[in-house]
Amino acid sequence: MSIRVITRPKKNGIGTHWGVEFPSGLVVDYTQEVGLRFTDREGFAENLLVTTVREVPWHLAWTVYARLDQVRRDPRKYDLLQWNCETFAEWLTAGVPKSAQVAGAMVLAGVAAFLLIFAK
């Protein structure tokens, strides 16, 4: 088994919750309530369907473990826009803290604002 980026539907609200599953069965994610959280697949799922987004190539595993050690020693505070479950999972596995969900919401908010301004 390899390191996997996994998701499940959010319990409250729209979108998906992201986490990283390790071969040992450990799942690491970020939540607004806890921040950095260590659980297992069942704890992550919270009775919802879990989907594998992608697997991390085996030769990059050491980098993922090094980043996990870094964030374990110096955890960041959860931030909806800059450090959420998706940005954490992307940073941990790919080195880039990005969130397509946040970017999409920002685009929609911009379009809505534009329409409101020019609809008058």
PDB file of N, CA and C in Angstrom:
ATOM      1  N   MET A   1       0.836  -1.185   0.000  1.00  0.00           N
ATOM      2  CA  MET A   1       0.000   0.000   0.000  1.00  0.00           C
ATOM      3  C   MET A   1       0.879   1.246   0.000  1.00  0.00           C
ATOM      4  N   SER A   2       0.416   2.282  -0.656  1.00  0.00           N
ATOM      5  CA  SER A   2       1.177   3.523  -0.731  1.00  0.00           C
ATOM      6  C   SER A   2       0.486   4.624   0.065  1.00  0.00           C
ATOM      7  N   ILE A   3       1.111   5.792   0.110  1.00  0.00           N
ATOM      8  CA  ILE A   3       0.490   6.965   0.722  1.00  0.00           C
ATOM      9  C   ILE A   3      -0.584   7.454  -0.243  1.00  0.00           C
ATOM     10  N   ARG A   4      -1.759   7.753   0.301  1.00  0.00           N
ATOM     11  CA  ARG A   4      -2.889   8.170  -0.543  1.00  0.00           C
ATOM     12  C   ARG A   4      -3.484   9.482  -0.053  1.00  0.00           C
ATOM     13  N   VAL A   5      -3.876  10.310  -0.994  1.00  0.00           N
ATOM     14  CA  VAL A   5      -4.686  11.488  -0.695  1.00  0.00           C
ATOM     15  C   VAL A   5      -6.132  11.016  -0.795  1.00  0.00           C
ATOM     16  N   ILE A   6      -6.903  11.245   0.270  1.00  0.00           N
ATOM     17  CA  ILE A   6      -8.282  10.763   0.314  1.00  0.00           C
ATOM     18  C   ILE A   6      -9.232  11.919   0.638  1.00  0.00           C
ATOM     19  N   THR A   7     -10.492  11.745   0.252  1.00  0.00           N
ATOM     20  CA  THR A   7     -11.518  12.734   0.548  1.00  0.00           C
ATOM     21  C   THR A   7     -12.795  12.038   0.976  1.00  0.00           C
ATOM     22  N   ARG A   8     -13.665  12.840   1.576  1.00  0.00           N
ATOM     23  CA  ARG A   8     -15.024  12.415   1.884  1.00  0.00           C
ATOM     24  C   ARG A   8     -15.880  13.673   1.880  1.00  0.00           C
ATOM     25  N   PRO A   9     -17.195  13.513   1.737  1.00  0.00           N
ATOM     26  CA  PRO A   9     -18.048  14.710   1.805  1.00  0.00           C
ATOM     27  C   PRO A   9     -17.910  15.376   3.173  1.00  0.00           C
ATOM     28  N   LYS A  10     -18.008  16.709   3.184  1.00  0.00           N
ATOM     29  CA  LYS A  10     -18.006  17.421   4.469  1.00  0.00           C
ATOM     30  C   LYS A  10     -19.298  17.115   5.199  1.00  0.00           C
ATOM     31  N   LYS A  11     -19.218  17.012   6.505  1.00  0.00           N
ATOM     32  CA  LYS A  11     -20.406  16.730   7.310  1.00  0.00           C
ATOM     33  C   LYS A  11     -21.328  17.937   7.391  1.00  0.00           C
ATOM     34  N   ASN A  12     -20.752  19.108   7.490  1.00  0.00           N
ATOM     35  CA  ASN A  12     -21.528  20.343   7.593  1.00  0.00           C
ATOM     36  C   ASN A  12     -21.125  21.287   6.473  1.00  0.00           C
ATOM     37  N   GLY A  13     -21.958  21.421   5.484  1.00  0.00           N
ATOM     38  CA  GLY A  13     -21.646  22.328   4.396  1.00  0.00           C
ATOM     39  C   GLY A  13     -21.334  21.600   3.108  1.00  0.00           C
ATOM     40  N   ILE A  14     -20.949  22.380   2.122  1.00  0.00           N
ATOM     41  CA  ILE A  14     -20.650  21.812   0.812  1.00  0.00           C
ATOM     42  C   ILE A  14     -19.154  21.570   0.680  1.00  0.00           C
ATOM     43  N   GLY A  15     -18.800  20.769  -0.281  1.00  0.00           N
ATOM     44  CA  GLY A  15     -17.396  20.499  -0.538  1.00  0.00           C
ATOM     45  C   GLY A  15     -16.958  19.162   0.022  1.00  0.00           C
ATOM     46  N   THR A  16     -15.659  18.955  -0.002  1.00  0.00           N
ATOM     47  CA  THR A  16     -15.088  17.701   0.468  1.00  0.00           C
ATOM     48  C   THR A  16     -14.042  17.961   1.542  1.00  0.00           C
ATOM     49  N   HIS A  17     -13.896  16.985   2.428  1.00  0.00           N
ATOM     50  CA  HIS A  17     -12.868  17.018   3.466  1.00  0.00           C
ATOM     51  C   HIS A  17     -11.705  16.156   2.986  1.00  0.00           C
ATOM     52  N   TRP A  18     -10.492  16.658   3.133  1.00  0.00           N
ATOM     53  CA  TRP A  18      -9.292  15.996   2.625  1.00  0.00           C
ATOM     54  C   TRP A  18      -8.427  15.463   3.758  1.00  0.00           C
ATOM     55  N   GLY A  19      -7.740  14.357   3.466  1.00  0.00           N
ATOM     56  CA  GLY A  19      -6.788  13.786   4.400  1.00  0.00           C
ATOM     57  C   GLY A  19      -5.728  13.004   3.650  1.00  0.00           C
ATOM     58  N   VAL A  20      -4.753  12.507   4.395  1.00  0.00           N
ATOM     59  CA  VAL A  20      -3.670  11.704   3.822  1.00  0.00           C
ATOM     60  C   VAL A  20      -3.599  10.403   4.610  1.00  0.00           C
ATOM     61  N   GLU A  21      -3.692   9.294   3.880  1.00  0.00           N
ATOM     62  CA  GLU A  21      -3.654   7.969   4.501  1.00  0.00           C
ATOM     63  C   GLU A  21      -2.292   7.325   4.256  1.00  0.00           C
ATOM     64  N   PHE A  22      -1.693   6.829   5.340  1.00  0.00           N
ATOM     65  CA  PHE A  22      -0.382   6.185   5.257  1.00  0.00           C
ATOM     66  C   PHE A  22      -0.528   4.669   5.252  1.00  0.00           C
ATOM     67  N   PRO A  23       0.484   3.955   4.768  1.00  0.00           N
ATOM     68  CA  PRO A  23       0.413   2.490   4.699  1.00  0.00           C
ATOM     69  C   PRO A  23       0.107   1.825   6.042  1.00  0.00           C
ATOM     70  N   SER A  24       0.465   2.467   7.137  1.00  0.00           N
ATOM     71  CA  SER A  24       0.210   1.900   8.470  1.00  0.00           C
ATOM     72  C   SER A  24      -1.265   1.948   8.856  1.00  0.00           C
ATOM     73  N   GLY A  25      -2.069   2.704   8.083  1.00  0.00           N
ATOM     74  CA  GLY A  25      -3.474   2.891   8.422  1.00  0.00           C
ATOM     75  C   GLY A  25      -3.736   4.239   9.066  1.00  0.00           C
ATOM     76  N   LEU A  26      -2.689   4.957   9.421  1.00  0.00           N
ATOM     77  CA  LEU A  26      -2.819   6.292   9.988  1.00  0.00           C
ATOM     78  C   LEU A  26      -3.366   7.247   8.938  1.00  0.00           C
ATOM     79  N   VAL A  27      -4.323   8.070   9.334  1.00  0.00           N
ATOM     80  CA  VAL A  27      -4.826   9.142   8.470  1.00  0.00           C
ATOM     81  C   VAL A  27      -4.569  10.456   9.198  1.00  0.00           C
ATOM     82  N   VAL A  28      -4.010  11.414   8.470  1.00  0.00           N
ATOM     83  CA  VAL A  28      -3.704  12.731   9.016  1.00  0.00           C
ATOM     84  C   VAL A  28      -4.536  13.747   8.248  1.00  0.00           C
ATOM     85  N   ASP A  29      -5.173  14.646   8.991  1.00  0.00           N
ATOM     86  CA  ASP A  29      -5.943  15.708   8.352  1.00  0.00           C
ATOM     87  C   ASP A  29      -5.927  16.944   9.234  1.00  0.00           C
ATOM     88  N   TYR A  30      -6.535  18.011   8.760  1.00  0.00           N
ATOM     89  CA  TYR A  30      -6.691  19.241   9.526  1.00  0.00           C
ATOM     90  C   TYR A  30      -8.174  19.511   9.664  1.00  0.00           C
ATOM     91  N   THR A  31      -8.596  19.826  10.881  1.00  0.00           N
ATOM     92  CA  THR A  31      -9.987  20.189  11.108  1.00  0.00           C
ATOM     93  C   THR A  31     -10.038  21.532  11.818  1.00  0.00           C
ATOM     94  N   GLN A  32     -11.141  22.214  11.650  1.00  0.00           N
ATOM     95  CA  GLN A  32     -11.310  23.507  12.297  1.00  0.00           C
ATOM     96  C   GLN A  32     -11.336  23.351  13.818  1.00  0.00           C
ATOM     97  N   GLU A  33     -11.926  22.252  14.288  1.00  0.00           N
ATOM     98  CA  GLU A  33     -12.067  22.038  15.722  1.00  0.00           C
ATOM     99  C   GLU A  33     -10.763  21.628  16.403  1.00  0.00           C
ATOM    100  N   VAL A  34      -9.973  20.783  15.753  1.00  0.00           N
ATOM    101  CA  VAL A  34      -8.797  20.184  16.380  1.00  0.00           C
ATOM    102  C   VAL A  34      -7.487  20.735  15.826  1.00  0.00           C
ATOM    103  N   GLY A  35      -7.484  21.129  14.570  1.00  0.00           N
ATOM    104  CA  GLY A  35      -6.239  21.459  13.890  1.00  0.00           C
ATOM    105  C   GLY A  35      -5.662  20.167  13.334  1.00  0.00           C
ATOM    106  N   LEU A  36      -4.362  19.938  13.530  1.00  0.00           N
ATOM    107  CA  LEU A  36      -3.718  18.715  13.060  1.00  0.00           C
ATOM    108  C   LEU A  36      -4.292  17.518  13.814  1.00  0.00           C
ATOM    109  N   ARG A  37      -4.817  16.558  13.051  1.00  0.00           N
ATOM    110  CA  ARG A  37      -5.471  15.408  13.681  1.00  0.00           C
ATOM    111  C   ARG A  37      -4.896  14.114  13.121  1.00  0.00           C
ATOM    112  N   PHE A  38      -4.701  13.153  14.030  1.00  0.00           N
ATOM    113  CA  PHE A  38      -4.238  11.817  13.669  1.00  0.00           C
ATOM    114  C   PHE A  38      -5.368  10.853  13.995  1.00  0.00           C
ATOM    115  N   THR A  39      -5.793  10.067  13.012  1.00  0.00           N
ATOM    116  CA  THR A  39      -6.896   9.138  13.201  1.00  0.00           C
ATOM    117  C   THR A  39      -6.658   7.917  12.308  1.00  0.00           C
ATOM    118  N   ASP A  40      -7.684   7.133  12.101  1.00  0.00           N
ATOM    119  CA  ASP A  40      -7.609   6.024  11.142  1.00  0.00           C
ATOM    120  C   ASP A  40      -8.677   6.265  10.074  1.00  0.00           C
ATOM    121  N   ARG A  41      -8.773   5.356   9.104  1.00  0.00           N
ATOM    122  CA  ARG A  41      -9.705   5.549   7.990  1.00  0.00           C
ATOM    123  C   ARG A  41     -11.145   5.664   8.483  1.00  0.00           C
ATOM    124  N   GLU A  42     -11.511   4.854   9.469  1.00  0.00           N
ATOM    125  CA  GLU A  42     -12.869   4.893  10.006  1.00  0.00           C
ATOM    126  C   GLU A  42     -13.150   6.228  10.698  1.00  0.00           C
ATOM    127  N   GLY A  43     -12.186   6.713  11.458  1.00  0.00           N
ATOM    128  CA  GLY A  43     -12.337   8.001  12.116  1.00  0.00           C
ATOM    129  C   GLY A  43     -12.430   9.140  11.123  1.00  0.00           C
ATOM    130  N   PHE A  44     -11.634   9.046  10.054  1.00  0.00           N
ATOM    131  CA  PHE A  44     -11.680  10.060   9.004  1.00  0.00           C
ATOM    132  C   PHE A  44     -13.030  10.020   8.286  1.00  0.00           C
ATOM    133  N   ALA A  45     -13.509   8.828   7.981  1.00  0.00           N
ATOM    134  CA  ALA A  45     -14.738   8.663   7.200  1.00  0.00           C
ATOM    135  C   ALA A  45     -15.959   9.212   7.926  1.00  0.00           C
ATOM    136  N   GLU A  46     -16.029   9.022   9.223  1.00  0.00           N
ATOM    137  CA  GLU A  46     -17.189   9.444   9.999  1.00  0.00           C
ATOM    138  C   GLU A  46     -18.491   8.979   9.337  1.00  0.00           C
ATOM    139  N   ASN A  47     -18.491   7.693   8.954  1.00  0.00           N
ATOM    140  CA  ASN A  47     -19.643   7.029   8.324  1.00  0.00           C
ATOM    141  C   ASN A  47     -20.006   7.574   6.948  1.00  0.00           C
ATOM    142  N   LEU A  48     -19.061   8.213   6.279  1.00  0.00           N
ATOM    143  CA  LEU A  48     -19.282   8.715   4.922  1.00  0.00           C
ATOM    144  C   LEU A  48     -18.345   7.999   3.959  1.00  0.00           C
ATOM    145  N   LEU A  49     -18.654   8.053   2.676  1.00  0.00           N
ATOM    146  CA  LEU A  49     -17.873   7.375   1.642  1.00  0.00           C
ATOM    147  C   LEU A  49     -16.526   8.065   1.451  1.00  0.00           C
ATOM    148  N   VAL A  50     -15.451   7.300   1.532  1.00  0.00           N
ATOM    149  CA  VAL A  50     -14.100   7.820   1.326  1.00  0.00           C
ATOM    150  C   VAL A  50     -13.644   7.485  -0.094  1.00  0.00           C
ATOM    151  N   THR A  51     -13.083   8.480  -0.756  1.00  0.00           N
ATOM    152  CA  THR A  51     -12.591   8.330  -2.126  1.00  0.00           C
ATOM    153  C   THR A  51     -11.094   8.600  -2.164  1.00  0.00           C
ATOM    154  N   THR A  52     -10.362   7.790  -2.921  1.00  0.00           N
ATOM    155  CA  THR A  52      -8.939   8.047  -3.127  1.00  0.00           C
ATOM    156  C   THR A  52      -8.783   9.003  -4.299  1.00  0.00           C
ATOM    157  N   VAL A  53      -8.133  10.141  -4.050  1.00  0.00           N
ATOM    158  CA  VAL A  53      -7.896  11.140  -5.091  1.00  0.00           C
ATOM    159  C   VAL A  53      -6.677  10.750  -5.916  1.00  0.00           C
ATOM    160  N   ARG A  54      -5.602  10.380  -5.212  1.00  0.00           N
ATOM    161  CA  ARG A  54      -4.383   9.954  -5.909  1.00  0.00           C
ATOM    162  C   ARG A  54      -3.458   9.255  -4.928  1.00  0.00           C
ATOM    163  N   GLU A  55      -2.514   8.540  -5.479  1.00  0.00           N
ATOM    164  CA  GLU A  55      -1.466   7.897  -4.687  1.00  0.00           C
ATOM    165  C   GLU A  55      -0.166   8.648  -4.905  1.00  0.00           C
ATOM    166  N   VAL A  56       0.609   8.740  -3.850  1.00  0.00           N
ATOM    167  CA  VAL A  56       1.910   9.406  -3.924  1.00  0.00           C
ATOM    168  C   VAL A  56       2.930   8.394  -4.431  1.00  0.00           C
ATOM    169  N   PRO A  57       3.706   8.739  -5.462  1.00  0.00           N
ATOM    170  CA  PRO A  57       4.731   7.812  -5.941  1.00  0.00           C
ATOM    171  C   PRO A  57       5.675   7.394  -4.815  1.00  0.00           C
ATOM    172  N   TRP A  58       6.054   6.133  -4.798  1.00  0.00           N
ATOM    173  CA  TRP A  58       6.843   5.581  -3.695  1.00  0.00           C
ATOM    174  C   TRP A  58       8.136   6.347  -3.445  1.00  0.00           C
ATOM    175  N   HIS A  59       8.751   6.870  -4.521  1.00  0.00           N
ATOM    176  CA  HIS A  59      10.038   7.546  -4.353  1.00  0.00           C
ATOM    177  C   HIS A  59       9.893   8.925  -3.687  1.00  0.00           C
ATOM    178  N   LEU A  60       8.661   9.424  -3.525  1.00  0.00           N
ATOM    179  CA  LEU A  60       8.431  10.702  -2.849  1.00  0.00           C
ATOM    180  C   LEU A  60       7.974  10.528  -1.398  1.00  0.00           C
ATOM    181  N   ALA A  61       7.848   9.288  -0.968  1.00  0.00           N
ATOM    182  CA  ALA A  61       7.333   9.015   0.381  1.00  0.00           C
ATOM    183  C   ALA A  61       8.201   9.659   1.462  1.00  0.00           C
ATOM    184  N   TRP A  62       9.508   9.615   1.320  1.00  0.00           N
ATOM    185  CA  TRP A  62      10.382  10.182   2.351  1.00  0.00           C
ATOM    186  C   TRP A  62      10.127  11.674   2.526  1.00  0.00           C
ATOM    187  N   THR A  63       9.786  12.379   1.422  1.00  0.00           N
ATOM    188  CA  THR A  63       9.492  13.805   1.485  1.00  0.00           C
ATOM    189  C   THR A  63       8.203  14.045   2.270  1.00  0.00           C
ATOM    190  N   VAL A  64       7.204  13.190   2.036  1.00  0.00           N
ATOM    191  CA  VAL A  64       5.936  13.310   2.757  1.00  0.00           C
ATOM    192  C   VAL A  64       6.164  13.096   4.246  1.00  0.00           C
ATOM    193  N   TYR A  65       6.931  12.073   4.587  1.00  0.00           N
ATOM    194  CA  TYR A  65       7.220  11.816   6.005  1.00  0.00           C
ATOM    195  C   TYR A  65       7.997  12.976   6.634  1.00  0.00           C
ATOM    196  N   ALA A  66       8.914  13.591   5.890  1.00  0.00           N
ATOM    197  CA  ALA A  66       9.676  14.736   6.413  1.00  0.00           C
ATOM    198  C   ALA A  66       8.754  15.929   6.652  1.00  0.00           C
ATOM    199  N   ARG A  67       7.830  16.178   5.719  1.00  0.00           N
ATOM    200  CA  ARG A  67       6.874  17.277   5.912  1.00  0.00           C
ATOM    201  C   ARG A  67       5.951  16.995   7.099  1.00  0.00           C
ATOM    202  N   LEU A  68       5.538  15.737   7.243  1.00  0.00           N
ATOM    203  CA  LEU A  68       4.685  15.380   8.379  1.00  0.00           C
ATOM    204  C   LEU A  68       5.425  15.624   9.692  1.00  0.00           C
ATOM    205  N   ASP A  69       6.685  15.260   9.742  1.00  0.00           N
ATOM    206  CA  ASP A  69       7.480  15.500  10.944  1.00  0.00           C
ATOM    207  C   ASP A  69       7.585  16.999  11.229  1.00  0.00           C
ATOM    208  N   GLN A  70       7.760  17.791  10.171  1.00  0.00           N
ATOM    209  CA  GLN A  70       7.855  19.245  10.314  1.00  0.00           C
ATOM    210  C   GLN A  70       6.566  19.827  10.894  1.00  0.00           C
ATOM    211  N   VAL A  71       5.417  19.446  10.356  1.00  0.00           N
ATOM    212  CA  VAL A  71       4.147  20.005  10.830  1.00  0.00           C
ATOM    213  C   VAL A  71       3.767  19.433  12.197  1.00  0.00           C
ATOM    214  N   ARG A  72       4.232  18.245  12.490  1.00  0.00           N
ATOM    215  CA  ARG A  72       3.992  17.662  13.814  1.00  0.00           C
ATOM    216  C   ARG A  72       4.759  18.462  14.876  1.00  0.00           C
ATOM    217  N   ARG A  73       5.985  18.867  14.559  1.00  0.00           N
ATOM    218  CA  ARG A  73       6.795  19.649  15.498  1.00  0.00           C
ATOM    219  C   ARG A  73       6.292  21.091  15.618  1.00  0.00           C
ATOM    220  N   ASP A  74       5.758  21.631  14.526  1.00  0.00           N
ATOM    221  CA  ASP A  74       5.325  23.027  14.512  1.00  0.00           C
ATOM    222  C   ASP A  74       3.981  23.136  13.786  1.00  0.00           C
ATOM    223  N   PRO A  75       2.897  22.664  14.414  1.00  0.00           N
ATOM    224  CA  PRO A  75       1.595  22.683  13.745  1.00  0.00           C
ATOM    225  C   PRO A  75       1.091  24.102  13.492  1.00  0.00           C
ATOM    226  N   ARG A  76       0.446  24.273  12.368  1.00  0.00           N
ATOM    227  CA  ARG A  76      -0.137  25.570  12.027  1.00  0.00           C
ATOM    228  C   ARG A  76      -1.592  25.611  12.476  1.00  0.00           C
ATOM    229  N   LYS A  77      -2.086  26.794  12.702  1.00  0.00           N
ATOM    230  CA  LYS A  77      -3.480  26.984  13.069  1.00  0.00           C
ATOM    231  C   LYS A  77      -4.340  26.842  11.810  1.00  0.00           C
ATOM    232  N   TYR A  78      -5.472  26.157  11.940  1.00  0.00           N
ATOM    233  CA  TYR A  78      -6.406  26.001  10.823  1.00  0.00           C
ATOM    234  C   TYR A  78      -6.867  27.378  10.356  1.00  0.00           C
ATOM    235  N   ASP A  79      -6.894  27.571   9.051  1.00  0.00           N
ATOM    236  CA  ASP A  79      -7.376  28.810   8.443  1.00  0.00           C
ATOM    237  C   ASP A  79      -8.159  28.420   7.198  1.00  0.00           C
ATOM    238  N   LEU A  80      -9.417  28.794   7.147  1.00  0.00           N
ATOM    239  CA  LEU A  80     -10.297  28.389   6.047  1.00  0.00           C
ATOM    240  C   LEU A  80      -9.726  28.723   4.674  1.00  0.00           C
ATOM    241  N   LEU A  81      -9.100  29.888   4.535  1.00  0.00           N
ATOM    242  CA  LEU A  81      -8.619  30.325   3.229  1.00  0.00           C
ATOM    243  C   LEU A  81      -7.176  29.920   2.934  1.00  0.00           C
ATOM    244  N   GLN A  82      -6.327  29.840   3.959  1.00  0.00           N
ATOM    245  CA  GLN A  82      -4.909  29.621   3.697  1.00  0.00           C
ATOM    246  C   GLN A  82      -4.339  28.309   4.200  1.00  0.00           C
ATOM    247  N   TRP A  83      -4.970  27.685   5.176  1.00  0.00           N
ATOM    248  CA  TRP A  83      -4.431  26.420   5.710  1.00  0.00           C
ATOM    249  C   TRP A  83      -5.589  25.555   6.181  1.00  0.00           C
ATOM    250  N   ASN A  84      -6.265  24.940   5.233  1.00  0.00           N
ATOM    251  CA  ASN A  84      -7.410  24.085   5.531  1.00  0.00           C
ATOM    252  C   ASN A  84      -7.051  22.634   5.214  1.00  0.00           C
ATOM    253  N   CYS A  85      -8.017  21.764   5.277  1.00  0.00           N
ATOM    254  CA  CYS A  85      -7.728  20.340   5.060  1.00  0.00           C
ATOM    255  C   CYS A  85      -7.149  20.068   3.673  1.00  0.00           C
ATOM    256  N   GLU A  86      -7.650  20.763   2.656  1.00  0.00           N
ATOM    257  CA  GLU A  86      -7.146  20.538   1.299  1.00  0.00           C
ATOM    258  C   GLU A  86      -5.753  21.125   1.114  1.00  0.00           C
ATOM    259  N   THR A  87      -5.522  22.353   1.585  1.00  0.00           N
ATOM    260  CA  THR A  87      -4.181  22.927   1.443  1.00  0.00           C
ATOM    261  C   THR A  87      -3.158  22.092   2.203  1.00  0.00           C
ATOM    262  N   PHE A  88      -3.559  21.573   3.369  1.00  0.00           N
ATOM    263  CA  PHE A  88      -2.656  20.710   4.134  1.00  0.00           C
ATOM    264  C   PHE A  88      -2.323  19.435   3.361  1.00  0.00           C
ATOM    265  N   ALA A  89      -3.333  18.749   2.839  1.00  0.00           N
ATOM    266  CA  ALA A  89      -3.097  17.490   2.112  1.00  0.00           C
ATOM    267  C   ALA A  89      -2.254  17.727   0.865  1.00  0.00           C
ATOM    268  N   GLU A  90      -2.492  18.824   0.169  1.00  0.00           N
ATOM    269  CA  GLU A  90      -1.708  19.137  -1.028  1.00  0.00           C
ATOM    270  C   GLU A  90      -0.268  19.477  -0.666  1.00  0.00           C
ATOM    271  N   TRP A  91      -0.090  20.281   0.391  1.00  0.00           N
ATOM    272  CA  TRP A  91       1.261  20.619   0.824  1.00  0.00           C
ATOM    273  C   TRP A  91       2.009  19.374   1.285  1.00  0.00           C
ATOM    274  N   LEU A  92       1.352  18.544   2.094  1.00  0.00           N
ATOM    275  CA  LEU A  92       1.997  17.357   2.639  1.00  0.00           C
ATOM    276  C   LEU A  92       2.461  16.409   1.539  1.00  0.00           C
ATOM    277  N   THR A  93       1.642  16.233   0.519  1.00  0.00           N
ATOM    278  CA  THR A  93       1.941  15.228  -0.506  1.00  0.00           C
ATOM    279  C   THR A  93       2.593  15.784  -1.767  1.00  0.00           C
ATOM    280  N   ALA A  94       2.428  17.085  -2.037  1.00  0.00           N
ATOM    281  CA  ALA A  94       2.976  17.649  -3.273  1.00  0.00           C
ATOM    282  C   ALA A  94       3.844  18.884  -3.044  1.00  0.00           C
ATOM    283  N   GLY A  95       3.856  19.400  -1.814  1.00  0.00           N
ATOM    284  CA  GLY A  95       4.705  20.539  -1.501  1.00  0.00           C
ATOM    285  C   GLY A  95       4.102  21.895  -1.816  1.00  0.00           C
ATOM    286  N   VAL A  96       2.864  21.916  -2.318  1.00  0.00           N
ATOM    287  CA  VAL A  96       2.214  23.170  -2.680  1.00  0.00           C
ATOM    288  C   VAL A  96       0.886  23.281  -1.932  1.00  0.00           C
ATOM    289  N   PRO A  97       0.765  24.260  -1.012  1.00  0.00           N
ATOM    290  CA  PRO A  97      -0.481  24.401  -0.261  1.00  0.00           C
ATOM    291  C   PRO A  97      -1.552  25.106  -1.092  1.00  0.00           C
ATOM    292  N   LYS A  98      -2.353  24.328  -1.811  1.00  0.00           N
ATOM    293  CA  LYS A  98      -3.379  24.921  -2.675  1.00  0.00           C
ATOM    294  C   LYS A  98      -4.724  24.258  -2.398  1.00  0.00           C
ATOM    295  N   SER A  99      -5.775  24.997  -2.707  1.00  0.00           N
ATOM    296  CA  SER A  99      -7.119  24.478  -2.526  1.00  0.00           C
ATOM    297  C   SER A  99      -7.980  24.876  -3.713  1.00  0.00           C
ATOM    298  N   ALA A 100      -8.335  23.915  -4.523  1.00  0.00           N
ATOM    299  CA  ALA A 100      -9.223  24.179  -5.659  1.00  0.00           C
ATOM    300  C   ALA A 100     -10.597  24.605  -5.171  1.00  0.00           C
ATOM    301  N   GLN A 101     -11.015  24.087  -4.027  1.00  0.00           N
ATOM    302  CA  GLN A 101     -12.323  24.464  -3.479  1.00  0.00           C
ATOM    303  C   GLN A 101     -12.354  25.946  -3.103  1.00  0.00           C
ATOM    304  N   VAL A 102     -11.318  26.427  -2.431  1.00  0.00           N
ATOM    305  CA  VAL A 102     -11.257  27.835  -2.045  1.00  0.00           C
ATOM    306  C   VAL A 102     -11.131  28.704  -3.290  1.00  0.00           C
ATOM    307  N   ALA A 103     -10.288  28.311  -4.226  1.00  0.00           N
ATOM    308  CA  ALA A 103     -10.128  29.089  -5.460  1.00  0.00           C
ATOM    309  C   ALA A 103     -11.456  29.191  -6.205  1.00  0.00           C
ATOM    310  N   GLY A 104     -12.178  28.087  -6.291  1.00  0.00           N
ATOM    311  CA  GLY A 104     -13.478  28.091  -6.958  1.00  0.00           C
ATOM    312  C   GLY A 104     -14.478  28.990  -6.254  1.00  0.00           C
ATOM    313  N   ALA A 105     -14.490  28.942  -4.932  1.00  0.00           N
ATOM    314  CA  ALA A 105     -15.399  29.801  -4.164  1.00  0.00           C
ATOM    315  C   ALA A 105     -15.050  31.276  -4.355  1.00  0.00           C
ATOM    316  N   MET A 106     -13.760  31.586  -4.427  1.00  0.00           N
ATOM    317  CA  MET A 106     -13.342  32.977  -4.642  1.00  0.00           C
ATOM    318  C   MET A 106     -13.760  33.467  -6.027  1.00  0.00           C
ATOM    319  N   VAL A 107     -13.640  32.624  -7.023  1.00  0.00           N
ATOM    320  CA  VAL A 107     -14.070  32.998  -8.376  1.00  0.00           C
ATOM    321  C   VAL A 107     -15.575  33.246  -8.396  1.00  0.00           C
ATOM    322  N   LEU A 108     -16.338  32.350  -7.775  1.00  0.00           N
ATOM    323  CA  LEU A 108     -17.791  32.528  -7.721  1.00  0.00           C
ATOM    324  C   LEU A 108     -18.169  33.805  -6.983  1.00  0.00           C
ATOM    325  N   ALA A 109     -17.479  34.096  -5.881  1.00  0.00           N
ATOM    326  CA  ALA A 109     -17.748  35.325  -5.137  1.00  0.00           C
ATOM    327  C   ALA A 109     -17.426  36.553  -5.980  1.00  0.00           C
ATOM    328  N   GLY A 110     -16.349  36.488  -6.730  1.00  0.00           N
ATOM    329  CA  GLY A 110     -15.976  37.598  -7.611  1.00  0.00           C
ATOM    330  C   GLY A 110     -16.992  37.815  -8.711  1.00  0.00           C
ATOM    331  N   VAL A 111     -17.456  36.748  -9.316  1.00  0.00           N
ATOM    332  CA  VAL A 111     -18.467  36.845 -10.373  1.00  0.00           C
ATOM    333  C   VAL A 111     -19.763  37.408  -9.799  1.00  0.00           C
ATOM    334  N   ALA A 112     -20.158  36.930  -8.619  1.00  0.00           N
ATOM    335  CA  ALA A 112     -21.380  37.423  -7.982  1.00  0.00           C
ATOM    336  C   ALA A 112     -21.260  38.917  -7.670  1.00  0.00           C
ATOM    337  N   ALA A 113     -20.118  39.343  -7.152  1.00  0.00           N
ATOM    338  CA  ALA A 113     -19.909  40.757  -6.850  1.00  0.00           C
ATOM    339  C   ALA A 113     -19.958  41.593  -8.136  1.00  0.00           C
ATOM    340  N   PHE A 114     -19.318  41.105  -9.175  1.00  0.00           N
ATOM    341  CA  PHE A 114     -19.325  41.795 -10.463  1.00  0.00           C
ATOM    342  C   PHE A 114     -20.755  41.947 -10.981  1.00  0.00           C
ATOM    343  N   LEU A 115     -21.534  40.896 -10.914  1.00  0.00           N
ATOM    344  CA  LEU A 115     -22.922  40.940 -11.383  1.00  0.00           C
ATOM    345  C   LEU A 115     -23.752  41.892 -10.550  1.00  0.00           C
ATOM    346  N   LEU A 116     -23.532  41.916  -9.239  1.00  0.00           N
ATOM    347  CA  LEU A 116     -24.278  42.823  -8.370  1.00  0.00           C
ATOM    348  C   LEU A 116     -23.945  44.279  -8.676  1.00  0.00           C
ATOM    349  N   ILE A 117     -22.683  44.562  -8.900  1.00  0.00           N
ATOM    350  CA  ILE A 117     -22.257  45.933  -9.172  1.00  0.00           C
ATOM    351  C   ILE A 117     -22.808  46.419 -10.513  1.00  0.00           C
ATOM    352  N   PHE A 118     -22.713  45.584 -11.531  1.00  0.00           N
ATOM    353  CA  PHE A 118     -23.092  46.030 -12.865  1.00  0.00           C
ATOM    354  C   PHE A 118     -24.546  45.727 -13.225  1.00  0.00           C
ATOM    355  N   ALA A 119     -25.281  45.111 -12.313  1.00  0.00           N
ATOM    356  CA  ALA A 119     -26.702  44.839 -12.571  1.00  0.00           C
ATOM    357  C   ALA A 119     -27.561  46.048 -12.226  1.00  0.00           C
ATOM    358  N   LYS A 120     -26.968  47.024 -11.564  1.00  0.00           N
ATOM    359  CA  LYS A 120     -27.748  48.204 -11.139  1.00  0.00           C
ATOM    360  C   LYS A 120     -27.841  49.255 -12.201  1.00  0.00           C
TER     361      LYS A 120
END
